[in-house]
Protein backbone atom coordinates (compact mmCIF):
# COMPACT_ATOMS: atom_id res chain seq x y z
CA UNK A 1 -15.62 -4.90 12.38
CA UNK A 2 -17.90 -5.88 9.71
CA UNK A 3 -20.02 -2.58 9.65
CA UNK A 4 -16.46 -0.32 9.62
CA UNK A 5 -15.06 -2.48 6.62
CA UNK A 6 -19.00 -1.88 4.87
CA UNK A 7 -19.32 2.03 5.49
CA UNK A 8 -15.95 3.04 4.98
CA UNK A 9 -15.48 0.43 1.47
CA UNK A 10 -18.64 2.24 0.56
CA UNK A 11 -17.42 5.50 1.13
CA UNK A 12 -14.42 5.05 -0.98
CA UNK A 13 -17.13 5.48 -4.40
CA UNK A 14 -19.34 8.02 -2.79
CA UNK A 15 -16.36 10.23 -2.51
CA UNK A 16 -15.19 9.61 -5.84
CA UNK A 17 -11.73 8.40 -4.46
CA UNK A 18 -12.45 4.74 -5.47
CA UNK A 19 -12.44 6.13 -9.41
CA UNK A 20 -9.72 8.45 -9.02
CA UNK A 21 -7.59 5.66 -7.82
CA UNK A 22 -8.68 3.02 -9.67
CA UNK A 23 -8.08 5.28 -13.30
CA UNK A 24 -5.12 6.37 -12.37
CA UNK A 25 -3.68 2.71 -10.95
CA UNK A 26 -4.64 1.09 -14.47
CA UNK A 27 -3.61 4.21 -16.15
CA UNK A 28 0.02 3.52 -14.65
CA UNK A 29 0.06 -0.23 -14.93
CA UNK A 30 -1.42 -0.10 -18.65
CA UNK A 31 1.51 2.44 -19.69
CA UNK A 32 4.32 0.32 -18.12
CA UNK A 33 2.84 -2.55 -19.31
CA UNK A 34 2.82 -1.22 -22.92
CA UNK A 35 6.35 0.13 -22.51
CA UNK A 36 7.98 -3.24 -21.13
CA UNK A 37 6.06 -5.79 -22.49
CA UNK A 38 4.22 -5.18 -26.06
CA UNK A 39 6.73 -2.37 -27.46
CA UNK A 40 9.80 -5.47 -26.16
CA UNK A 41 8.08 -8.54 -27.39
CA UNK A 42 8.12 -10.49 -24.00
CA UNK A 43 5.94 -11.86 -21.65
CA UNK A 44 8.13 -11.35 -19.13
CA UNK A 45 6.02 -9.08 -16.76
CA UNK A 46 8.62 -8.21 -14.03
CA UNK A 47 9.63 -4.80 -15.37
CA UNK A 48 6.24 -3.52 -15.10
CA UNK A 49 5.99 -4.61 -11.56
CA UNK A 50 9.17 -3.22 -10.94
CA UNK A 51 7.73 0.52 -11.93
CA UNK A 52 4.60 -0.04 -9.58
CA UNK A 53 6.48 0.57 -6.40
CA UNK A 54 6.99 4.42 -7.10
CA UNK A 55 3.13 4.46 -8.08
CA UNK A 56 1.87 3.02 -5.09
CA UNK A 57 4.12 5.83 -3.06
CA UNK A 58 2.40 8.09 -4.97
CA UNK A 59 -1.20 6.30 -5.29
CA UNK A 60 -1.93 4.73 -1.67
CA UNK A 61 -2.13 8.02 0.25
CA UNK A 62 -4.89 9.18 -1.91
CA UNK A 63 -6.46 5.93 -0.05
CA UNK A 64 -5.61 6.65 3.27
CA UNK A 65 -5.77 10.54 3.57
CA UNK A 66 -9.31 10.66 4.93
CA UNK A 67 -9.45 7.18 6.54
CA UNK A 68 -9.65 9.16 9.78
CA UNK A 69 -8.81 12.62 9.00
CA UNK A 70 -12.23 13.26 7.89
CA UNK A 71 -14.15 11.95 11.03
CA UNK A 72 -11.83 14.60 12.71
CA UNK A 73 -13.15 17.30 10.32
CA UNK A 74 -16.77 16.32 10.37
CA UNK A 75 -16.74 15.98 14.19
CA UNK A 76 -17.87 12.26 14.04
CA UNK A 77 -14.83 11.14 15.84
CA UNK A 78 -16.01 10.90 19.27
CA UNK A 79 -19.25 9.13 17.68
CA UNK A 80 -17.10 6.44 16.59
CA UNK A 81 -14.84 6.21 19.79
CA UNK A 82 -17.84 5.91 21.68
CA UNK A 83 -19.47 3.36 19.71
CA UNK A 84 -19.73 -0.47 21.24
CA UNK A 85 -17.31 -1.59 18.99
CA UNK A 86 -13.74 -2.11 19.79
CA UNK A 87 -10.98 -0.02 18.61
CA UNK A 88 -9.19 -2.64 16.62
CA UNK A 89 -12.52 -3.36 15.22
CA UNK A 90 -12.61 0.36 13.44
CA UNK A 91 -8.90 0.35 13.01
CA UNK A 92 -9.04 -3.11 10.83
CA UNK A 93 -12.69 -2.24 9.28
CA UNK A 94 -11.31 0.83 7.54
CA UNK A 95 -7.94 -0.62 7.13
CA UNK A 96 -9.12 -3.71 5.34
CA UNK A 97 -11.29 -1.36 3.31
CA UNK A 98 -8.55 0.41 1.77
CA UNK A 99 -6.84 -3.03 1.33
CA UNK A 100 -9.76 -4.39 -0.62
CA UNK A 101 -10.04 -1.62 -3.12
CA UNK A 102 -6.06 -1.62 -3.29
CA UNK A 103 -6.41 -5.36 -3.79
CA UNK A 104 -8.91 -4.45 -6.74
CA UNK A 105 -6.39 -2.28 -8.51
CA UNK A 106 -4.32 -5.34 -8.76
CA UNK A 107 -6.34 -7.50 -10.68
CA UNK A 108 -5.64 -5.63 -13.83
CA UNK A 109 -1.96 -7.59 -13.70
CA UNK A 110 -3.77 -10.70 -14.33
CA UNK A 111 -5.95 -9.41 -17.49
CA UNK A 112 -2.49 -8.47 -19.43
CA UNK A 113 -0.68 -11.55 -18.20
CA UNK A 114 -4.12 -13.43 -19.71
CA UNK A 115 -3.64 -11.21 -22.98
CA UNK A 116 0.07 -12.44 -23.19
CA UNK A 117 -0.34 -15.91 -22.68
CA UNK A 118 -2.59 -15.73 -26.06
CA UNK A 119 0.92 -14.66 -27.32
CA UNK A 120 2.89 -16.49 -26.28
CA UNK A 121 4.29 -18.76 -22.68
CA UNK A 122 3.46 -16.58 -19.49
CA UNK A 123 5.41 -17.51 -15.78
CA UNK A 124 2.54 -17.90 -14.13
CA UNK A 125 4.73 -18.56 -10.90
CA UNK A 126 6.60 -15.10 -11.75
CA UNK A 127 3.49 -13.36 -12.20
CA UNK A 128 1.66 -14.75 -8.87
CA UNK A 129 5.11 -13.86 -6.62
CA UNK A 130 5.49 -10.32 -8.27
CA UNK A 131 1.36 -10.20 -7.62
CA UNK A 132 2.44 -11.50 -4.22
CA UNK A 133 5.18 -8.75 -3.81
CA UNK A 134 2.92 -5.80 -4.73
CA UNK A 135 0.16 -7.22 -2.58
CA UNK A 136 2.21 -7.24 0.69
CA UNK A 137 4.11 -3.62 0.02
CA UNK A 138 0.38 -2.32 -0.13
CA UNK A 139 -0.64 -3.61 2.58
CA UNK A 140 2.33 -1.74 4.45
CA UNK A 141 2.11 1.40 2.91
CA UNK A 142 -2.04 1.80 3.88
CA UNK A 143 -0.92 0.89 7.52
CA UNK A 144 1.80 3.55 7.18
CA UNK A 145 -1.07 5.79 5.56
CA UNK A 146 -3.72 4.93 7.99
CA UNK A 147 -1.84 6.20 11.28
CA UNK A 148 -0.81 9.49 9.52
CA UNK A 149 -4.39 9.80 9.01
CA UNK A 150 -5.07 9.39 12.52
CA UNK A 151 -2.80 12.13 13.50
CA UNK A 152 -4.26 15.02 11.37
CA UNK A 153 -7.99 16.09 10.50
CA UNK A 154 -6.43 18.07 7.14
CA UNK A 155 -6.53 15.22 4.00
CA UNK A 156 -4.15 17.30 2.00
CA UNK A 157 -1.44 17.10 5.20
CA UNK A 158 -2.11 13.60 5.76
CA UNK A 159 -1.28 12.89 2.13
CA UNK A 160 1.67 15.09 1.81
CA UNK A 161 3.11 13.99 4.61
CA UNK A 162 2.24 10.07 3.56
CA UNK A 163 3.78 10.42 0.55
CA UNK A 164 6.87 12.04 2.13
CA UNK A 165 7.19 9.13 4.29
CA UNK A 166 6.90 6.45 1.51
CA UNK A 167 8.90 8.54 -0.31
CA UNK A 168 11.52 8.34 2.86
CA UNK A 169 11.38 4.37 2.93
CA UNK A 170 11.69 4.21 -0.63
CA UNK A 171 15.59 6.01 -0.54
CA UNK A 172 16.55 4.22 2.32
CA UNK A 173 18.74 2.09 -0.47
CA UNK A 174 20.35 5.59 -1.58
CA UNK A 175 21.09 6.69 1.55
CA UNK A 176 22.38 3.18 3.13
CA UNK A 177 25.03 3.43 -0.53
CA UNK A 178 26.38 6.68 1.07
CA UNK A 179 26.57 5.96 4.32
CA UNK A 180 30.11 4.33 5.20
CA UNK A 181 29.24 2.68 8.78
CA UNK A 182 28.89 -1.08 8.54
CA UNK A 183 26.29 -2.03 11.28
CA UNK A 184 24.34 0.98 9.97
CA UNK A 185 24.53 0.19 6.39
CA UNK A 186 23.46 -3.16 7.59
CA UNK A 187 20.51 -1.83 9.83
CA UNK A 188 19.29 0.20 6.43
CA UNK A 189 19.72 -2.73 4.24
CA UNK A 190 17.14 -4.49 6.17
CA UNK A 191 14.70 -2.05 6.15
CA UNK A 192 14.89 -1.57 2.45
CA UNK A 193 11.45 -1.65 1.53
CA UNK A 194 12.40 -1.66 -2.56
CA UNK A 195 15.36 -3.98 -2.09
CA UNK A 196 12.94 -6.78 -0.74
CA UNK A 197 10.35 -6.15 -3.05
CA UNK A 198 13.01 -5.58 -6.44
CA UNK A 199 14.49 -9.31 -5.01
CA UNK A 200 10.47 -10.60 -5.40
CA UNK A 201 9.80 -9.55 -8.73
CA UNK A 202 13.29 -10.96 -10.08
CA UNK A 203 12.37 -14.52 -8.63
CA UNK A 204 13.82 -14.29 -5.48
CA UNK A 205 11.05 -15.63 -3.04
CA UNK A 206 12.07 -15.00 0.80
CA UNK A 207 9.20 -16.08 3.49
CA UNK A 208 11.37 -13.56 5.06
CA UNK A 209 10.41 -10.48 3.36
CA UNK A 210 6.67 -11.69 3.64
CA UNK A 211 7.21 -11.64 7.30
CA UNK A 212 8.98 -8.46 7.35
CA UNK A 213 5.92 -6.71 5.37
CA UNK A 214 3.44 -8.30 7.10
CA UNK A 215 4.70 -7.12 10.44
CA UNK A 216 5.56 -3.22 9.41
CA UNK A 217 1.16 -3.92 9.00
CA UNK A 218 0.91 -5.31 12.25
CA UNK A 219 2.76 -2.75 14.03
CA UNK A 220 1.48 0.45 12.39
CA UNK A 221 -2.33 -0.93 12.75
CA UNK A 222 -1.45 -1.61 16.34
CA UNK A 223 0.32 2.27 16.79
CA UNK A 224 -2.91 3.51 15.65
CA UNK A 225 -4.94 1.59 17.92
CA UNK A 226 -2.66 3.00 20.42
CA UNK A 227 -3.62 6.35 19.03
CA UNK A 228 -6.86 5.98 19.48
CA UNK A 229 -7.07 4.45 22.96
CA UNK A 230 -5.12 7.41 23.95
CA UNK A 231 -8.05 9.56 22.62
CA UNK A 232 -10.90 7.28 24.09
CA UNK A 233 -9.38 7.79 27.66
CA UNK A 234 -7.89 11.24 27.57
């Protein structure tokens, strides 16, 4: 898995994807930091983190669109599948490479927190809770994008479909608000990504939310492994 991880992480920078992703991500975090914190004269960063949910919906597909679709396009997928490594190592190697780059992008909010700490009291517990919420959200979203990337050889198609799927997850609350059947509303509220994320940014930390996001990441990575297991033996 280590070789796959290093190869994929390096590929992000040789293809300029890393630079584009980090630049745009930091541009939006800087904008929301200025709008929610500096202009309002507050050290509460919750507003900035709440706004980053939709930005992740748009930007994370940039990280995942080429993970496997590029292998199919370049006709290197068969070589990868016949390599002396397990399918799980291949999938998780690529997944963790994308997750590491995403984590690097998340370091910027800590820089902003340090800036705020020079002007007033920063609630570091809330900062770490918000960081954890954004990290878990990204971990789940990256797993969704990884699966979609494994299903097509077209990077643009992988990007667009991933955005559509993540947007659908974002809009679960809106749909639930227009449904009158009780058990359906309850199920949709349980599956709501934004509701759980928003609760943590408001200081309502719940272990079940952590379990939910980790479970989503594991399930979608497992589905990706199954996709390639079928291809290996077909």
